[in-house]
C-alpha atoms as a PDB file:
ATOM      1  CA  MET A   1      35.375 154.951  65.426  1.00  0.00           C
ATOM      2  CA  ARG A   2      38.627 152.415  65.486  1.00  0.00           C
ATOM      3  CA  GLU A   3      38.996 152.114  62.310  1.00  0.00           C
ATOM      4  CA  ARG A   4      39.020 156.027  61.960  1.00  0.00           C
ATOM      5  CA  LEU A   5      41.825 156.245  64.263  1.00  0.00           C
ATOM      6  CA  ARG A   6      43.853 152.814  62.315  1.00  0.00           C
ATOM      7  CA  ASP A   7      43.431 155.969  59.147  1.00  0.00           C
ATOM      8  CA  LEU A   8      44.453 158.642  61.714  1.00  0.00           C
ATOM      9  CA  ALA A   9      47.291 157.467  62.669  1.00  0.00           C
ATOM     10  CA  ALA A  10      48.140 155.886  59.257  1.00  0.00           C
ATOM     11  CA  ALA A  11      47.746 159.463  57.329  1.00  0.00           C
ATOM     12  CA  SER A  12      49.949 160.668  60.294  1.00  0.00           C
ATOM     13  CA  HIS A  13      53.111 158.365  59.439  1.00  0.00           C
ATOM     14  CA  ALA A  14      52.396 159.437  55.670  1.00  0.00           C
ATOM     15  CA  VAL A  15      52.998 162.403  56.325  1.00  0.00           C
ATOM     16  CA  ALA A  16      56.283 161.591  58.823  1.00  0.00           C
ATOM     17  CA  VAL A  17      57.868 159.338  56.135  1.00  0.00           C
ATOM     18  CA  GLY A  18      57.433 161.892  53.612  1.00  0.00           C
ATOM     19  CA  GLN A  19      59.385 164.722  56.137  1.00  0.00           C
ATOM     20  CA  VAL A  20      62.108 162.387  56.041  1.00  0.00           C
ATOM     21  CA  GLU A  21      62.512 162.210  52.258  1.00  0.00           C
ATOM     22  CA  ARG A  22      62.325 165.839  52.394  1.00  0.00           C
ATOM     23  CA  ALA A  23      65.747 165.855  54.908  1.00  0.00           C
ATOM     24  CA  ALA A  24      67.244 163.346  53.128  1.00  0.00           C
ATOM     25  CA  GLU A  25      66.704 165.480  50.458  1.00  0.00           C
ATOM     26  CA  GLY A  26      67.976 168.341  52.028  1.00  0.00           C
ATOM     27  CA  VAL A  27      70.939 166.485  53.242  1.00  0.00           C
ATOM     28  CA  THR A  28      72.029 165.322  50.276  1.00  0.00           C
ATOM     29  CA  ALA A  29      71.392 169.577  48.713  1.00  0.00           C
ATOM     30  CA  GLU A  30      73.623 170.640  51.416  1.00  0.00           C
ATOM     31  CA  ARG A  31      76.432 168.064  50.754  1.00  0.00           C
ATOM     32  CA  GLU A  32      75.907 168.978  47.308  1.00  0.00           C
ATOM     33  CA  ARG A  33      76.410 172.652  47.869  1.00  0.00           C
ATOM     34  CA  LEU A  34      79.247 171.286  50.073  1.00  0.00           C
ATOM     35  CA  GLU A  35      81.390 169.841  47.752  1.00  0.00           C
ATOM     36  CA  ALA A  36      80.964 172.845  45.043  1.00  0.00           C
ATOM     37  CA  GLN A  37      82.149 175.067  47.826  1.00  0.00           C
ATOM     38  CA  VAL A  38      85.325 172.815  48.326  1.00  0.00           C
ATOM     39  CA  THR A  39      85.839 172.426  44.363  1.00  0.00           C
ATOM     40  CA  SER A  40      85.523 176.267  43.628  1.00  0.00           C
ATOM     41  CA  ALA A  41      87.300 177.005  47.268  1.00  0.00           C
ATOM     42  CA  GLY A  42      90.260 175.237  45.403  1.00  0.00           C
ATOM     43  CA  GLY A  43      90.925 177.970  42.712  1.00  0.00           C
ATOM     44  CA  VAL A  44      90.410 181.382  45.812  1.00  0.00           C
ATOM     45  CA  LEU A  45      92.870 179.036  47.865  1.00  0.00           C
ATOM     46  CA  ALA A  46      95.113 179.718  44.087  1.00  0.00           C
ATOM     47  CA  GLN A  47      94.056 183.346  43.862  1.00  0.00           C
ATOM     48  CA  ALA A  48      94.627 184.214  47.612  1.00  0.00           C
ATOM     49  CA  ARG A  49      97.270 187.518  48.797  1.00  0.00           C
ATOM     50  CA  SER A  50      96.270 187.613  52.337  1.00  0.00           C
ATOM     51  CA  ILE A  51      95.490 185.319  55.514  1.00  0.00           C
ATOM     52  CA  ALA A  52      91.992 186.973  55.460  1.00  0.00           C
ATOM     53  CA  GLU A  53      91.264 185.553  51.726  1.00  0.00           C
ATOM     54  CA  LEU A  54      92.519 182.203  53.041  1.00  0.00           C
ATOM     55  CA  GLU A  55      90.196 182.924  56.301  1.00  0.00           C
ATOM     56  CA  GLY A  56      87.471 183.950  54.589  1.00  0.00           C
ATOM     57  CA  VAL A  57      87.344 180.459  52.519  1.00  0.00           C
ATOM     58  CA  THR A  58      88.180 178.701  55.558  1.00  0.00           C
ATOM     59  CA  VAL A  59      84.577 180.127  57.093  1.00  0.00           C
ATOM     60  CA  GLU A  60      82.845 179.890  53.992  1.00  0.00           C
ATOM     61  CA  ILE A  61      83.400 175.504  53.888  1.00  0.00           C
ATOM     62  CA  ALA A  62      82.789 175.274  57.788  1.00  0.00           C
ATOM     63  CA  ALA A  63      79.580 177.271  58.109  1.00  0.00           C
ATOM     64  CA  SER A  64      78.370 174.609  54.911  1.00  0.00           C
ATOM     65  CA  ARG A  65      79.498 171.964  56.652  1.00  0.00           C
ATOM     66  CA  GLY A  66      77.336 173.155  60.196  1.00  0.00           C
ATOM     67  CA  ASP A  67      74.904 173.279  57.176  1.00  0.00           C
ATOM     68  CA  VAL A  68      75.163 169.345  56.048  1.00  0.00           C
ATOM     69  CA  ASP A  69      75.565 168.882  59.894  1.00  0.00           C
ATOM     70  CA  ALA A  70      72.057 170.591  60.950  1.00  0.00           C
ATOM     71  CA  ALA A  71      70.981 168.501  57.954  1.00  0.00           C
ATOM     72  CA  VAL A  72      71.683 165.292  58.224  1.00  0.00           C
ATOM     73  CA  ALA A  73      70.465 166.373  62.255  1.00  0.00           C
ATOM     74  CA  ARG A  74      66.680 167.711  61.010  1.00  0.00           C
ATOM     75  CA  HIS A  75      66.977 163.755  59.285  1.00  0.00           C
ATOM     76  CA  GLY A  76      67.479 161.670  61.975  1.00  0.00           C
ATOM     77  CA  GLU A  77      65.183 163.702  63.481  1.00  0.00           C
ATOM     78  CA  ALA A  78      62.850 163.237  61.345  1.00  0.00           C
ATOM     79  CA  ILE A  79      63.575 159.127  61.403  1.00  0.00           C
ATOM     80  CA  GLY A  80      62.686 159.042  64.818  1.00  0.00           C
ATOM     81  CA  ALA A  81      59.198 160.607  64.124  1.00  0.00           C
ATOM     82  CA  SER A  82      58.535 157.905  61.774  1.00  0.00           C
ATOM     83  CA  ALA A  83      59.621 155.715  63.916  1.00  0.00           C
ATOM     84  CA  ALA A  84      56.695 157.236  66.703  1.00  0.00           C
ATOM     85  CA  THR A  85      53.770 157.296  63.912  1.00  0.00           C
ATOM     86  CA  GLU A  86      54.470 153.875  62.822  1.00  0.00           C
ATOM     87  CA  LYS A  87      54.562 152.290  66.390  1.00  0.00           C
ATOM     88  CA  ALA A  88      51.463 154.295  66.578  1.00  0.00           C
ATOM     89  CA  LEU A  89      50.209 152.759  63.632  1.00  0.00           C
ATOM     90  CA  LYS A  90      50.692 149.529  64.447  1.00  0.00           C
ATOM     91  CA  GLU A  91      49.730 149.915  67.708  1.00  0.00           C
ATOM     92  CA  LYS A  92      46.578 150.605  66.156  1.00  0.00           C
ATOM     93  CA  ALA A  93      45.970 148.533  64.024  1.00  0.00           C
ATOM     94  CA  ARG A  94      46.324 145.910  66.687  1.00  0.00           C
ATOM     95  CA  GLN A  95      43.861 147.320  68.377  1.00  0.00           C
ATOM     96  CA  LEU A  96      41.466 147.617  65.377  1.00  0.00           C
ATOM     97  CA  ARG A  97      41.969 143.957  64.919  1.00  0.00           C
ATOM     98  CA  THR A  98      41.093 142.865  68.450  1.00  0.00           C
ATOM     99  CA  ALA A  99      38.411 144.893  68.626  1.00  0.00           C
ATOM    100  CA  GLU A 100      37.129 143.643  65.538  1.00  0.00           C
ATOM    101  CA  ARG A 101      37.761 139.753  66.917  1.00  0.00           C
ATOM    102  CA  ILE A 102      35.908 140.979  70.513  1.00  0.00           C
ATOM    103  CA  LEU A 103      33.516 141.539  68.238  1.00  0.00           C
ATOM    104  CA  GLU A 104      33.229 138.167  66.202  1.00  0.00           C
ATOM    105  CA  LEU A 105      32.892 136.271  69.034  1.00  0.00           C
ATOM    106  CA  VAL A 106      30.131 138.530  70.403  1.00  0.00           C
ATOM    107  CA  GLN A 107      28.055 137.854  67.611  1.00  0.00           C
ATOM    108  CA  GLU A 108      29.071 133.972  67.676  1.00  0.00           C
ATOM    109  CA  GLN A 109      27.960 133.987  71.329  1.00  0.00           C
ATOM    110  CA  ARG A 110      24.660 135.637  70.418  1.00  0.00           C
ATOM    111  CA  ALA A 111      24.163 133.576  67.460  1.00  0.00           C
ATOM    112  CA  SER A 112      24.761 130.146  69.137  1.00  0.00           C
ATOM    113  CA  LYS A 113      22.703 131.262  72.407  1.00  0.00           C
ATOM    114  CA  ALA A 114      19.742 132.299  69.848  1.00  0.00           C
ATOM    115  CA  MET A 115      19.726 129.375  68.328  1.00  0.00           C
ATOM    116  CA  ARG A 116      19.660 127.062  71.509  1.00  0.00           C
ATOM    117  CA  GLY A 117      16.891 129.635  72.540  1.00  0.00           C
ATOM    118  CA  GLU A 118      15.021 128.947  68.890  1.00  0.00           C
ATOM    119  CA  GLN A 119      15.377 124.737  69.302  1.00  0.00           C
ATOM    120  CA  ARG A 120      14.630 124.851  73.206  1.00  0.00           C
ATOM    121  CA  ALA A 121      11.021 126.209  71.632  1.00  0.00           C
ATOM    122  CA  ALA A 122      11.175 124.213  69.551  1.00  0.00           C
ATOM    123  CA  ASP A 123      11.753 121.138  71.862  1.00  0.00           C
ATOM    124  CA  ASP A 124       9.050 122.106  73.879  1.00  0.00           C
ATOM    125  CA  LEU A 125       6.655 122.771  71.680  1.00  0.00           C
ATOM    126  CA  ALA A 126       7.036 119.383  70.104  1.00  0.00           C
ATOM    127  CA  ALA A 127       6.908 117.685  73.936  1.00  0.00           C
ATOM    128  CA  GLY A 128       3.412 119.275  73.975  1.00  0.00           C
ATOM    129  CA  ARG A 129       2.067 118.202  71.383  1.00  0.00           C
ATOM    130  CA  ARG A 130       3.076 114.564  71.761  1.00  0.00           C
ATOM    131  CA  ARG A 131       1.067 114.655  75.500  1.00  0.00           C
END
C-alpha cells in the first residue's frame, strides 16, 4: 500500500515537473513575442502620424508585457506546486523506508523467537533422553 502511495506521489511530482517545463516554455514564448513586437514597433513609431497611433503601440507593448508577467506568475506557481509535490514524494519515500525497516525488525524478532523455541524444544528433548 505504501509503495502505491509513493508511486502516486512520484506520478504527481512528474506531472508538476512537466507543468513547470511548459510554464517555462510559455515565459520564453511570451518574451520572444514581446521582443518581436518591440522590434516591429520601431517601424510603426517612425511612420506614426498621430498621437493615437503612438498610443496604440504603447498599448500593444504594455499588453505584451502583461502577458509576460502573467506567464512568469504561472511559472512561479508551477514551481511552488512542484516543490510541494517533491516534498510529498520525499515524505512518502521516507515512510516507505521506515515501514520496510519495521517489517524487517519484526521478521528478525519472530525468527529469533522461533529459533529460541526450537532450541528449547531440542534441549528439553535431549534432557529427557538423559534421564
